[in-house]
């Protein structure tokens, strides 16, 4: 008999306060970025965390967000269980809003 896995869906769109709460839980280990196949230039987790929710988005972080395709490779290595893929969606929304200004 084929055993079916029960998958828990991940909501890739969260409110700003939900994203900020998850970012506060980040321990800064950088494991998510080390596992990311979309990261083509070095950025630090503290810069990514800060620019995800506020302030100016630097060119390297913007390029990273645009390259990220929410594959989930960042989720399993996170010792805290954060969904960086969902947080990057928030960053993409900020980029869209910035480009519309």
C-alpha atoms as a PDB file:
ATOM      1  CA  UNK A   1       0.000   0.000   0.000  1.00  0.00           C
ATOM      2  CA  UNK A   2       1.236   3.453  -0.883  1.00  0.00           C
ATOM      3  CA  UNK A   3       1.767   5.618   2.167  1.00  0.00           C
ATOM      4  CA  UNK A   4       0.749   9.226   1.618  1.00  0.00           C
ATOM      5  CA  UNK A   5       2.584  12.025   3.334  1.00  0.00           C
ATOM      6  CA  UNK A   6       0.571  14.758   4.940  1.00  0.00           C
ATOM      7  CA  UNK A   7       2.086  18.039   3.922  1.00  0.00           C
ATOM      8  CA  UNK A   8       1.465  21.169   5.895  1.00  0.00           C
ATOM      9  CA  UNK A   9       0.924  24.094   3.537  1.00  0.00           C
ATOM     10  CA  UNK A  10       3.104  27.131   4.007  1.00  0.00           C
ATOM     11  CA  UNK A  11       1.475  30.501   3.595  1.00  0.00           C
ATOM     12  CA  UNK A  12       3.966  32.490   1.546  1.00  0.00           C
ATOM     13  CA  UNK A  13       2.261  35.792   2.186  1.00  0.00           C
ATOM     14  CA  UNK A  14       2.372  37.090   5.728  1.00  0.00           C
ATOM     15  CA  UNK A  15       1.642  40.426   7.305  1.00  0.00           C
ATOM     16  CA  UNK A  16       4.464  42.788   8.147  1.00  0.00           C
ATOM     17  CA  UNK A  17       4.031  42.130  11.854  1.00  0.00           C
ATOM     18  CA  UNK A  18       4.172  38.349  11.298  1.00  0.00           C
ATOM     19  CA  UNK A  19       7.373  38.704   9.272  1.00  0.00           C
ATOM     20  CA  UNK A  20       8.900  41.013  11.892  1.00  0.00           C
ATOM     21  CA  UNK A  21       8.047  38.498  14.622  1.00  0.00           C
ATOM     22  CA  UNK A  22       9.752  35.684  12.693  1.00  0.00           C
ATOM     23  CA  UNK A  23      12.789  37.842  12.044  1.00  0.00           C
ATOM     24  CA  UNK A  24      13.111  38.519  15.776  1.00  0.00           C
ATOM     25  CA  UNK A  25      13.233  34.740  16.280  1.00  0.00           C
ATOM     26  CA  UNK A  26      16.157  34.418  13.839  1.00  0.00           C
ATOM     27  CA  UNK A  27      19.360  33.473  15.666  1.00  0.00           C
ATOM     28  CA  UNK A  28      21.606  34.768  12.871  1.00  0.00           C
ATOM     29  CA  UNK A  29      23.290  31.464  12.092  1.00  0.00           C
ATOM     30  CA  UNK A  30      23.206  32.097   8.309  1.00  0.00           C
ATOM     31  CA  UNK A  31      22.339  28.435   7.547  1.00  0.00           C
ATOM     32  CA  UNK A  32      19.411  29.495   5.334  1.00  0.00           C
ATOM     33  CA  UNK A  33      21.664  31.553   3.087  1.00  0.00           C
ATOM     34  CA  UNK A  34      24.315  28.837   2.953  1.00  0.00           C
ATOM     35  CA  UNK A  35      21.674  26.415   1.629  1.00  0.00           C
ATOM     36  CA  UNK A  36      20.171  28.843  -0.879  1.00  0.00           C
ATOM     37  CA  UNK A  37      20.741  28.029  -4.563  1.00  0.00           C
ATOM     38  CA  UNK A  38      19.673  31.551  -5.596  1.00  0.00           C
ATOM     39  CA  UNK A  39      22.300  33.447  -3.610  1.00  0.00           C
ATOM     40  CA  UNK A  40      24.905  34.591  -6.118  1.00  0.00           C
ATOM     41  CA  UNK A  41      26.719  37.248  -4.098  1.00  0.00           C
ATOM     42  CA  UNK A  42      27.463  37.427  -0.388  1.00  0.00           C
ATOM     43  CA  UNK A  43      24.961  39.103   1.891  1.00  0.00           C
ATOM     44  CA  UNK A  44      24.747  38.701   5.626  1.00  0.00           C
ATOM     45  CA  UNK A  45      21.682  37.478   7.450  1.00  0.00           C
ATOM     46  CA  UNK A  46      21.518  40.618   9.605  1.00  0.00           C
ATOM     47  CA  UNK A  47      21.380  42.836   6.500  1.00  0.00           C
ATOM     48  CA  UNK A  48      18.774  40.586   4.885  1.00  0.00           C
ATOM     49  CA  UNK A  49      16.677  40.586   8.061  1.00  0.00           C
ATOM     50  CA  UNK A  50      16.824  44.361   8.438  1.00  0.00           C
ATOM     51  CA  UNK A  51      16.075  45.136   4.797  1.00  0.00           C
ATOM     52  CA  UNK A  52      13.227  42.621   4.656  1.00  0.00           C
ATOM     53  CA  UNK A  53      11.004  44.817   6.813  1.00  0.00           C
ATOM     54  CA  UNK A  54      12.307  48.366   6.761  1.00  0.00           C
ATOM     55  CA  UNK A  55      14.587  50.956   5.278  1.00  0.00           C
ATOM     56  CA  UNK A  56      16.286  51.066   1.931  1.00  0.00           C
ATOM     57  CA  UNK A  57      16.730  47.807   0.060  1.00  0.00           C
ATOM     58  CA  UNK A  58      20.314  47.530  -1.176  1.00  0.00           C
ATOM     59  CA  UNK A  59      21.126  46.310  -4.675  1.00  0.00           C
ATOM     60  CA  UNK A  60      22.553  42.938  -3.496  1.00  0.00           C
ATOM     61  CA  UNK A  61      19.464  42.205  -1.384  1.00  0.00           C
ATOM     62  CA  UNK A  62      17.163  43.250  -4.231  1.00  0.00           C
ATOM     63  CA  UNK A  63      19.004  40.944  -6.654  1.00  0.00           C
ATOM     64  CA  UNK A  64      18.765  38.103  -4.159  1.00  0.00           C
ATOM     65  CA  UNK A  65      15.016  38.640  -3.654  1.00  0.00           C
ATOM     66  CA  UNK A  66      14.445  38.738  -7.398  1.00  0.00           C
ATOM     67  CA  UNK A  67      16.448  35.524  -7.894  1.00  0.00           C
ATOM     68  CA  UNK A  68      14.681  33.641  -5.073  1.00  0.00           C
ATOM     69  CA  UNK A  69      11.961  31.328  -6.340  1.00  0.00           C
ATOM     70  CA  UNK A  70      10.734  30.119  -2.940  1.00  0.00           C
ATOM     71  CA  UNK A  71      12.073  26.578  -3.420  1.00  0.00           C
ATOM     72  CA  UNK A  72      12.235  25.978   0.341  1.00  0.00           C
ATOM     73  CA  UNK A  73      15.911  24.962   0.435  1.00  0.00           C
ATOM     74  CA  UNK A  74      16.359  27.518   3.223  1.00  0.00           C
ATOM     75  CA  UNK A  75      13.693  26.006   5.480  1.00  0.00           C
ATOM     76  CA  UNK A  76      15.091  22.626   6.524  1.00  0.00           C
ATOM     77  CA  UNK A  77      18.538  23.849   7.673  1.00  0.00           C
ATOM     78  CA  UNK A  78      17.018  26.508   9.943  1.00  0.00           C
ATOM     79  CA  UNK A  79      17.481  25.366  13.557  1.00  0.00           C
ATOM     80  CA  UNK A  80      14.613  27.632  14.645  1.00  0.00           C
ATOM     81  CA  UNK A  81      12.194  26.397  11.970  1.00  0.00           C
ATOM     82  CA  UNK A  82      11.678  29.719  10.236  1.00  0.00           C
ATOM     83  CA  UNK A  83      10.314  29.965   6.719  1.00  0.00           C
ATOM     84  CA  UNK A  84      12.755  32.310   5.027  1.00  0.00           C
ATOM     85  CA  UNK A  85      10.930  31.625   1.761  1.00  0.00           C
ATOM     86  CA  UNK A  86       7.845  33.358   3.153  1.00  0.00           C
ATOM     87  CA  UNK A  87       9.950  36.225   4.472  1.00  0.00           C
ATOM     88  CA  UNK A  88      11.487  36.734   1.032  1.00  0.00           C
ATOM     89  CA  UNK A  89       7.968  37.026  -0.372  1.00  0.00           C
ATOM     90  CA  UNK A  90       7.482  40.021   1.931  1.00  0.00           C
ATOM     91  CA  UNK A  91      10.736  41.483   0.629  1.00  0.00           C
ATOM     92  CA  UNK A  92       9.504  40.991  -2.948  1.00  0.00           C
ATOM     93  CA  UNK A  93       6.305  42.850  -2.074  1.00  0.00           C
ATOM     94  CA  UNK A  94       8.399  45.728  -0.705  1.00  0.00           C
ATOM     95  CA  UNK A  95      10.395  45.780  -3.939  1.00  0.00           C
ATOM     96  CA  UNK A  96       7.218  45.942  -6.015  1.00  0.00           C
ATOM     97  CA  UNK A  97       5.894  48.793  -3.896  1.00  0.00           C
ATOM     98  CA  UNK A  98       9.211  50.632  -4.223  1.00  0.00           C
ATOM     99  CA  UNK A  99       9.210  50.238  -7.992  1.00  0.00           C
ATOM    100  CA  UNK A 100       5.676  51.632  -8.208  1.00  0.00           C
ATOM    101  CA  UNK A 101       6.655  54.860  -6.435  1.00  0.00           C
END
